[in-house]
C-alpha atoms as a PDB file:
ATOM      1  CA  MET A   1     -11.012 127.653  65.785  1.00  0.00           C
ATOM      2  CA  LEU A   2     -13.395 129.441  64.081  1.00  0.00           C
ATOM      3  CA  LYS A   3     -11.799 132.605  62.775  1.00  0.00           C
ATOM      4  CA  ARG A   4     -13.849 135.564  62.939  1.00  0.00           C
ATOM      5  CA  VAL A   5     -12.626 137.554  58.997  1.00  0.00           C
ATOM      6  CA  VAL A   6     -15.006 136.676  56.954  1.00  0.00           C
ATOM      7  CA  SER A   7     -18.834 134.396  57.310  1.00  0.00           C
ATOM      8  CA  SER A   8     -19.518 132.591  54.221  1.00  0.00           C
ATOM      9  CA  LEU A   9     -22.668 131.174  53.571  1.00  0.00           C
ATOM     10  CA  LEU A  10     -21.642 128.336  51.712  1.00  0.00           C
ATOM     11  CA  PHE A  11     -17.499 127.898  50.732  1.00  0.00           C
ATOM     12  CA  SER A  12     -15.756 125.189  49.431  1.00  0.00           C
ATOM     13  CA  THR A  13     -13.996 123.277  52.681  1.00  0.00           C
ATOM     14  CA  LEU A  14     -12.265 119.646  52.564  1.00  0.00           C
ATOM     15  CA  ALA A  15     -15.267 118.715  54.631  1.00  0.00           C
ATOM     16  CA  CYS A  16     -17.370 115.392  53.641  1.00  0.00           C
ATOM     17  CA  GLY A  17     -21.189 115.572  54.606  1.00  0.00           C
ATOM     18  CA  MET A  18     -23.269 118.466  56.920  1.00  0.00           C
ATOM     19  CA  LEU A  19     -21.539 120.011  59.451  1.00  0.00           C
ATOM     20  CA  ALA A  20     -22.685 122.286  62.416  1.00  0.00           C
ATOM     21  CA  ALA A  21     -21.520 125.977  61.944  1.00  0.00           C
ATOM     22  CA  GLN A  22     -19.550 125.525  65.426  1.00  0.00           C
ATOM     23  CA  ASN A  23     -18.121 122.019  63.967  1.00  0.00           C
ATOM     24  CA  THR A  24     -16.630 123.572  60.418  1.00  0.00           C
ATOM     25  CA  GLY A  25     -13.832 125.333  59.649  1.00  0.00           C
ATOM     26  CA  ALA A  26     -15.209 128.489  57.677  1.00  0.00           C
ATOM     27  CA  LYS A  27     -12.623 131.223  58.081  1.00  0.00           C
ATOM     28  CA  VAL A  28     -14.500 134.920  59.144  1.00  0.00           C
ATOM     29  CA  ALA A  29     -13.018 138.122  58.932  1.00  0.00           C
ATOM     30  CA  HIS A  30     -13.770 141.328  61.069  1.00  0.00           C
ATOM     31  CA  THR A  31     -12.728 145.185  60.521  1.00  0.00           C
ATOM     32  CA  VAL A  32     -12.802 148.203  62.669  1.00  0.00           C
ATOM     33  CA  PRO A  33     -16.485 150.353  61.509  1.00  0.00           C
ATOM     34  CA  GLN A  34     -15.372 152.681  59.036  1.00  0.00           C
ATOM     35  CA  GLY A  35     -18.494 154.856  59.122  1.00  0.00           C
ATOM     36  CA  VAL A  36     -18.525 155.265  55.567  1.00  0.00           C
ATOM     37  CA  VAL A  37     -22.106 155.615  53.982  1.00  0.00           C
ATOM     38  CA  THR A  38     -22.574 155.865  50.345  1.00  0.00           C
ATOM     39  CA  PRO A  39     -25.843 155.298  48.748  1.00  0.00           C
ATOM     40  CA  ALA A  40     -27.037 151.805  47.322  1.00  0.00           C
ATOM     41  CA  GLN A  41     -26.981 151.402  43.820  1.00  0.00           C
ATOM     42  CA  GLU A  42     -30.657 150.260  42.605  1.00  0.00           C
ATOM     43  CA  PRO A  43     -31.558 149.809  38.618  1.00  0.00           C
ATOM     44  CA  PRO A  44     -34.750 151.491  39.431  1.00  0.00           C
ATOM     45  CA  ALA A  45     -36.401 148.667  36.470  1.00  0.00           C
ATOM     46  CA  LEU A  46     -35.912 145.994  38.473  1.00  0.00           C
ATOM     47  CA  LYS A  47     -38.062 144.290  41.150  1.00  0.00           C
ATOM     48  CA  THR A  48     -36.556 142.710  44.450  1.00  0.00           C
ATOM     49  CA  ILE A  49     -37.210 138.859  44.589  1.00  0.00           C
ATOM     50  CA  PHE A  50     -35.234 137.966  47.288  1.00  0.00           C
ATOM     51  CA  THR A  51     -33.272 140.521  49.446  1.00  0.00           C
ATOM     52  CA  ASP A  52     -31.735 140.293  53.106  1.00  0.00           C
ATOM     53  CA  PHE A  53     -30.384 143.468  52.615  1.00  0.00           C
ATOM     54  CA  GLY A  54     -31.526 146.009  55.240  1.00  0.00           C
ATOM     55  CA  PRO A  55     -34.173 149.000  54.253  1.00  0.00           C
ATOM     56  CA  THR A  56     -31.846 151.622  54.821  1.00  0.00           C
ATOM     57  CA  THR A  57     -28.807 152.768  53.423  1.00  0.00           C
ATOM     58  CA  THR A  58     -27.155 153.165  57.120  1.00  0.00           C
ATOM     59  CA  ASP A  59     -28.166 149.038  58.080  1.00  0.00           C
ATOM     60  CA  TYR A  60     -28.179 148.085  54.202  1.00  0.00           C
ATOM     61  CA  PHE A  61     -25.504 145.647  55.576  1.00  0.00           C
ATOM     62  CA  ASN A  62     -22.789 144.984  58.440  1.00  0.00           C
ATOM     63  CA  ASP A  63     -19.671 146.254  56.985  1.00  0.00           C
ATOM     64  CA  THR A  64     -17.387 144.918  60.170  1.00  0.00           C
ATOM     65  CA  THR A  65     -18.218 140.575  59.609  1.00  0.00           C
ATOM     66  CA  GLY A  66     -18.673 138.342  57.241  1.00  0.00           C
ATOM     67  CA  TYR A  67     -16.991 135.115  55.696  1.00  0.00           C
ATOM     68  CA  TYR A  68     -14.239 135.159  53.308  1.00  0.00           C
ATOM     69  CA  VAL A  69     -14.450 134.345  49.608  1.00  0.00           C
ATOM     70  CA  LEU A  70     -11.010 133.174  48.699  1.00  0.00           C
ATOM     71  CA  GLY A  71      -8.999 132.291  45.320  1.00  0.00           C
ATOM     72  CA  PRO A  72      -6.331 129.477  45.638  1.00  0.00           C
ATOM     73  CA  THR A  73      -3.453 131.720  46.070  1.00  0.00           C
ATOM     74  CA  ASN A  74      -5.323 134.170  48.277  1.00  0.00           C
ATOM     75  CA  SER A  75      -3.766 136.575  50.583  1.00  0.00           C
ATOM     76  CA  VAL A  76      -4.179 135.331  53.962  1.00  0.00           C
ATOM     77  CA  GLY A  77      -3.041 132.412  53.284  1.00  0.00           C
ATOM     78  CA  ASP A  78      -6.342 129.673  53.882  1.00  0.00           C
ATOM     79  CA  SER A  79      -7.727 127.409  51.259  1.00  0.00           C
ATOM     80  CA  GLU A  80      -9.326 128.223  48.577  1.00  0.00           C
ATOM     81  CA  GLN A  81     -13.768 129.324  50.466  1.00  0.00           C
ATOM     82  CA  TRP A  82     -16.416 130.338  48.077  1.00  0.00           C
ATOM     83  CA  VAL A  83     -19.803 130.934  49.773  1.00  0.00           C
ATOM     84  CA  GLY A  84     -23.077 130.615  48.895  1.00  0.00           C
ATOM     85  CA  LEU A  85     -26.826 132.013  50.592  1.00  0.00           C
ATOM     86  CA  PRO A  86     -30.270 130.040  49.936  1.00  0.00           C
ATOM     87  CA  PHE A  87     -33.165 132.186  48.931  1.00  0.00           C
ATOM     88  CA  THR A  88     -37.082 131.062  48.165  1.00  0.00           C
ATOM     89  CA  PRO A  89     -38.896 132.912  45.780  1.00  0.00           C
ATOM     90  CA  LYS A  90     -42.453 133.849  47.126  1.00  0.00           C
ATOM     91  CA  ALA A  91     -43.533 133.461  42.924  1.00  0.00           C
ATOM     92  CA  ASN A  92     -42.998 132.891  40.082  1.00  0.00           C
ATOM     93  CA  ALA A  93     -40.163 134.880  38.247  1.00  0.00           C
ATOM     94  CA  THR A  94     -37.361 135.889  36.616  1.00  0.00           C
ATOM     95  CA  VAL A  95     -33.992 136.662  37.915  1.00  0.00           C
ATOM     96  CA  THR A  96     -31.936 138.763  35.725  1.00  0.00           C
ATOM     97  CA  GLN A  97     -29.434 140.626  38.187  1.00  0.00           C
ATOM     98  CA  LEU A  98     -27.642 138.589  41.286  1.00  0.00           C
ATOM     99  CA  GLN A  99     -26.455 141.192  43.800  1.00  0.00           C
ATOM    100  CA  ALA A 100     -23.760 140.238  47.019  1.00  0.00           C
ATOM    101  CA  ALA A 101     -22.251 142.359  49.764  1.00  0.00           C
ATOM    102  CA  ILE A 102     -18.779 141.432  48.788  1.00  0.00           C
ATOM    103  CA  GLY A 103     -16.024 143.722  49.618  1.00  0.00           C
ATOM    104  CA  ILE A 104     -11.858 143.110  48.629  1.00  0.00           C
ATOM    105  CA  ILE A 105      -9.144 143.103  50.812  1.00  0.00           C
ATOM    106  CA  SER A 106      -6.296 142.295  48.458  1.00  0.00           C
ATOM    107  CA  GLY A 107      -6.112 141.044  45.265  1.00  0.00           C
ATOM    108  CA  THR A 108      -7.233 140.736  41.667  1.00  0.00           C
ATOM    109  CA  ALA A 109     -10.993 142.324  41.480  1.00  0.00           C
ATOM    110  CA  VAL A 110     -12.995 139.683  39.567  1.00  0.00           C
ATOM    111  CA  VAL A 111     -15.319 137.927  41.710  1.00  0.00           C
ATOM    112  CA  ASP A 112     -17.978 134.929  40.339  1.00  0.00           C
ATOM    113  CA  ILE A 113     -21.445 135.396  41.083  1.00  0.00           C
ATOM    114  CA  GLY A 114     -23.692 132.627  40.145  1.00  0.00           C
ATOM    115  CA  LEU A 115     -27.707 131.323  40.667  1.00  0.00           C
ATOM    116  CA  TYR A 116     -27.304 127.760  41.565  1.00  0.00           C
ATOM    117  CA  SER A 117     -30.396 124.882  42.311  1.00  0.00           C
ATOM    118  CA  ASP A 118     -30.612 123.646  45.185  1.00  0.00           C
ATOM    119  CA  ALA A 119     -29.558 119.346  45.791  1.00  0.00           C
ATOM    120  CA  SER A 120     -31.121 118.567  49.456  1.00  0.00           C
ATOM    121  CA  GLY A 121     -30.615 121.491  51.017  1.00  0.00           C
ATOM    122  CA  THR A 122     -27.242 122.205  49.786  1.00  0.00           C
ATOM    123  CA  VAL A 123     -25.519 123.922  46.505  1.00  0.00           C
ATOM    124  CA  GLY A 124     -26.848 122.328  43.478  1.00  0.00           C
ATOM    125  CA  THR A 125     -25.308 122.894  39.727  1.00  0.00           C
ATOM    126  CA  LEU A 126     -24.998 126.477  38.494  1.00  0.00           C
ATOM    127  CA  ILE A 127     -28.003 127.805  36.213  1.00  0.00           C
ATOM    128  CA  ALA A 128     -26.861 131.056  34.864  1.00  0.00           C
ATOM    129  CA  GLY A 129     -24.142 133.069  36.603  1.00  0.00           C
ATOM    130  CA  GLY A 130     -21.246 136.074  35.045  1.00  0.00           C
ATOM    131  CA  HIS A 131     -18.405 138.174  37.041  1.00  0.00           C
ATOM    132  CA  SER A 132     -17.821 141.544  37.846  1.00  0.00           C
ATOM    133  CA  THR A 133     -14.465 143.173  38.478  1.00  0.00           C
ATOM    134  CA  LYS A 134     -16.598 146.549  40.068  1.00  0.00           C
ATOM    135  CA  ILE A 135     -15.590 145.173  43.885  1.00  0.00           C
ATOM    136  CA  PRO A 136     -15.497 147.617  46.780  1.00  0.00           C
ATOM    137  CA  ALA A 137     -13.282 147.487  49.350  1.00  0.00           C
ATOM    138  CA  PHE A 138     -14.065 145.714  52.857  1.00  0.00           C
ATOM    139  CA  GLY A 139     -15.701 147.633  55.322  1.00  0.00           C
ATOM    140  CA  ALA A 140     -16.959 150.254  53.161  1.00  0.00           C
ATOM    141  CA  CYS A 141     -21.056 150.160  53.370  1.00  0.00           C
ATOM    142  CA  CYS A 142     -23.029 150.687  51.380  1.00  0.00           C
ATOM    143  CA  THR A 143     -21.693 150.015  47.211  1.00  0.00           C
ATOM    144  CA  VAL A 144     -22.907 146.299  46.729  1.00  0.00           C
ATOM    145  CA  VAL A 145     -21.200 143.680  43.872  1.00  0.00           C
ATOM    146  CA  SER A 146     -23.790 143.327  40.991  1.00  0.00           C
ATOM    147  CA  VAL A 147     -24.144 141.054  38.340  1.00  0.00           C
ATOM    148  CA  ASN A 148     -26.188 140.906  35.110  1.00  0.00           C
ATOM    149  CA  ILE A 149     -27.127 137.163  34.493  1.00  0.00           C
ATOM    150  CA  PRO A 150     -28.904 135.748  31.315  1.00  0.00           C
ATOM    151  CA  ALA A 151     -32.873 135.666  32.261  1.00  0.00           C
ATOM    152  CA  THR A 152     -33.480 132.759  34.177  1.00  0.00           C
ATOM    153  CA  ALA A 153     -36.760 131.151  35.162  1.00  0.00           C
ATOM    154  CA  VAL A 154     -37.408 130.498  39.205  1.00  0.00           C
ATOM    155  CA  VAL A 155     -39.974 129.069  40.449  1.00  0.00           C
ATOM    156  CA  ALA A 156     -42.326 129.486  43.922  1.00  0.00           C
ATOM    157  CA  GLY A 157     -41.712 128.049  46.621  1.00  0.00           C
ATOM    158  CA  THR A 158     -38.488 126.307  45.689  1.00  0.00           C
ATOM    159  CA  GLN A 159     -34.879 126.931  46.626  1.00  0.00           C
ATOM    160  CA  TYR A 160     -31.866 128.559  45.114  1.00  0.00           C
ATOM    161  CA  TRP A 161     -28.522 130.002  45.981  1.00  0.00           C
ATOM    162  CA  ILE A 162     -26.783 133.236  45.347  1.00  0.00           C
ATOM    163  CA  VAL A 163     -23.380 131.647  44.994  1.00  0.00           C
ATOM    164  CA  ALA A 164     -20.167 133.736  44.997  1.00  0.00           C
ATOM    165  CA  THR A 165     -16.586 132.289  43.779  1.00  0.00           C
ATOM    166  CA  SER A 166     -13.081 132.906  42.808  1.00  0.00           C
ATOM    167  CA  ASP A 167     -12.147 133.204  39.316  1.00  0.00           C
ATOM    168  CA  ASP A 168      -9.544 131.129  39.119  1.00  0.00           C
ATOM    169  CA  THR A 169      -8.313 131.692  35.961  1.00  0.00           C
ATOM    170  CA  HIS A 170      -8.250 135.423  35.831  1.00  0.00           C
ATOM    171  CA  GLY A 171      -8.057 136.110  39.634  1.00  0.00           C
ATOM    172  CA  PRO A 172      -6.596 133.026  41.511  1.00  0.00           C
ATOM    173  CA  ASP A 173      -5.219 135.565  43.917  1.00  0.00           C
ATOM    174  CA  PHE A 174      -8.496 137.000  44.955  1.00  0.00           C
ATOM    175  CA  THR A 175      -9.009 137.655  48.840  1.00  0.00           C
ATOM    176  CA  GLY A 176     -12.366 139.071  49.580  1.00  0.00           C
ATOM    177  CA  VAL A 177     -15.260 138.890  52.490  1.00  0.00           C
ATOM    178  CA  TRP A 178     -18.896 138.388  51.566  1.00  0.00           C
ATOM    179  CA  GLN A 179     -20.215 140.840  54.589  1.00  0.00           C
ATOM    180  CA  ALA A 180     -23.024 139.725  56.466  1.00  0.00           C
ATOM    181  CA  SER A 181     -26.889 140.849  57.006  1.00  0.00           C
ATOM    182  CA  ASN A 182     -28.083 143.227  59.511  1.00  0.00           C
ATOM    183  CA  VAL A 183     -31.892 141.762  58.368  1.00  0.00           C
ATOM    184  CA  TYR A 184     -31.713 137.979  58.970  1.00  0.00           C
ATOM    185  CA  PRO A 185     -29.020 137.085  61.621  1.00  0.00           C
ATOM    186  CA  ASN A 186     -29.672 133.457  62.303  1.00  0.00           C
ATOM    187  CA  VAL A 187     -31.104 132.045  59.256  1.00  0.00           C
ATOM    188  CA  ALA A 188     -29.431 128.841  58.852  1.00  0.00           C
ATOM    189  CA  ALA A 189     -27.044 128.697  55.285  1.00  0.00           C
ATOM    190  CA  ASN A 190     -24.355 126.520  53.517  1.00  0.00           C
ATOM    191  CA  GLU A 191     -20.562 127.099  53.091  1.00  0.00           C
ATOM    192  CA  ALA A 192     -17.907 125.299  51.434  1.00  0.00           C
ATOM    193  CA  ALA A 193     -14.264 124.333  50.274  1.00  0.00           C
ATOM    194  CA  GLY A 194     -14.208 120.858  48.452  1.00  0.00           C
ATOM    195  CA  SER A 195     -17.668 120.224  49.714  1.00  0.00           C
ATOM    196  CA  TRP A 196     -20.311 122.352  50.807  1.00  0.00           C
ATOM    197  CA  PHE A 197     -21.618 122.285  54.761  1.00  0.00           C
ATOM    198  CA  THR A 198     -24.115 124.136  56.839  1.00  0.00           C
ATOM    199  CA  PHE A 199     -23.808 127.113  59.034  1.00  0.00           C
ATOM    200  CA  SER A 200     -26.219 129.370  60.540  1.00  0.00           C
ATOM    201  CA  ALA A 201     -24.055 133.110  61.631  1.00  0.00           C
ATOM    202  CA  ASN A 202     -23.147 135.973  59.834  1.00  0.00           C
ATOM    203  CA  ILE A 203     -25.547 135.140  56.780  1.00  0.00           C
ATOM    204  CA  PRO A 204     -24.240 136.918  53.907  1.00  0.00           C
ATOM    205  CA  ALA A 205     -26.038 139.858  52.442  1.00  0.00           C
ATOM    206  CA  GLY A 206     -27.392 139.750  48.634  1.00  0.00           C
ATOM    207  CA  ALA A 207     -30.163 139.728  46.435  1.00  0.00           C
ATOM    208  CA  ALA A 208     -31.737 138.298  43.334  1.00  0.00           C
ATOM    209  CA  LYS A 209     -33.585 140.558  41.361  1.00  0.00           C
ATOM    210  CA  GLY A 210     -35.675 140.634  38.182  1.00  0.00           C
ATOM    211  CA  THR A 211     -39.303 140.558  36.852  1.00  0.00           C
ATOM    212  CA  ILE A 212     -42.409 139.157  38.882  1.00  0.00           C
ATOM    213  CA  PRO A 213     -45.484 138.240  36.485  1.00  0.00           C
END
């Protein structure tokens, strides 16, 4: 049974092939809305290459649900889970920052976020990435996790992935949630935990930023 604790776009499971959302073992999380709203942090020099964040701080993302991002020794007792969000740039661009609406529940505050290639509609290989230790609490909108990456060119019309993974060396006990987008609730996405598979609900809220010629 799908656990509504955290909905992830991509996360690692010991499943083979592509599975429909209703057949997956994706672990989801929910919390009671707390009504905490703080201004979203936006580096003024960067342009938005992709985003599914809402247009204002009151609906920037859904802080009541999402998919778990879990390290191997997480506090909920589930298997390790990673999450990925697909995007396709409309123009050639250079990505220098990735953002994700990840909130921490417990464990060591460190999470890895990377830009990945696409492999026939699912997550491919890591292109560039980094980690953050500045992670807000799950259920409190609207601060997001931001990771600066080496300047990486992306091609218009080509699909890429923003992927959140646990840092199994420095934070194997990480237990967090990639909170859902309010803008595209029905966009198909992938999740994985051993192998990547597809789902299409509670799409994670994230963004890719950088420069657009």
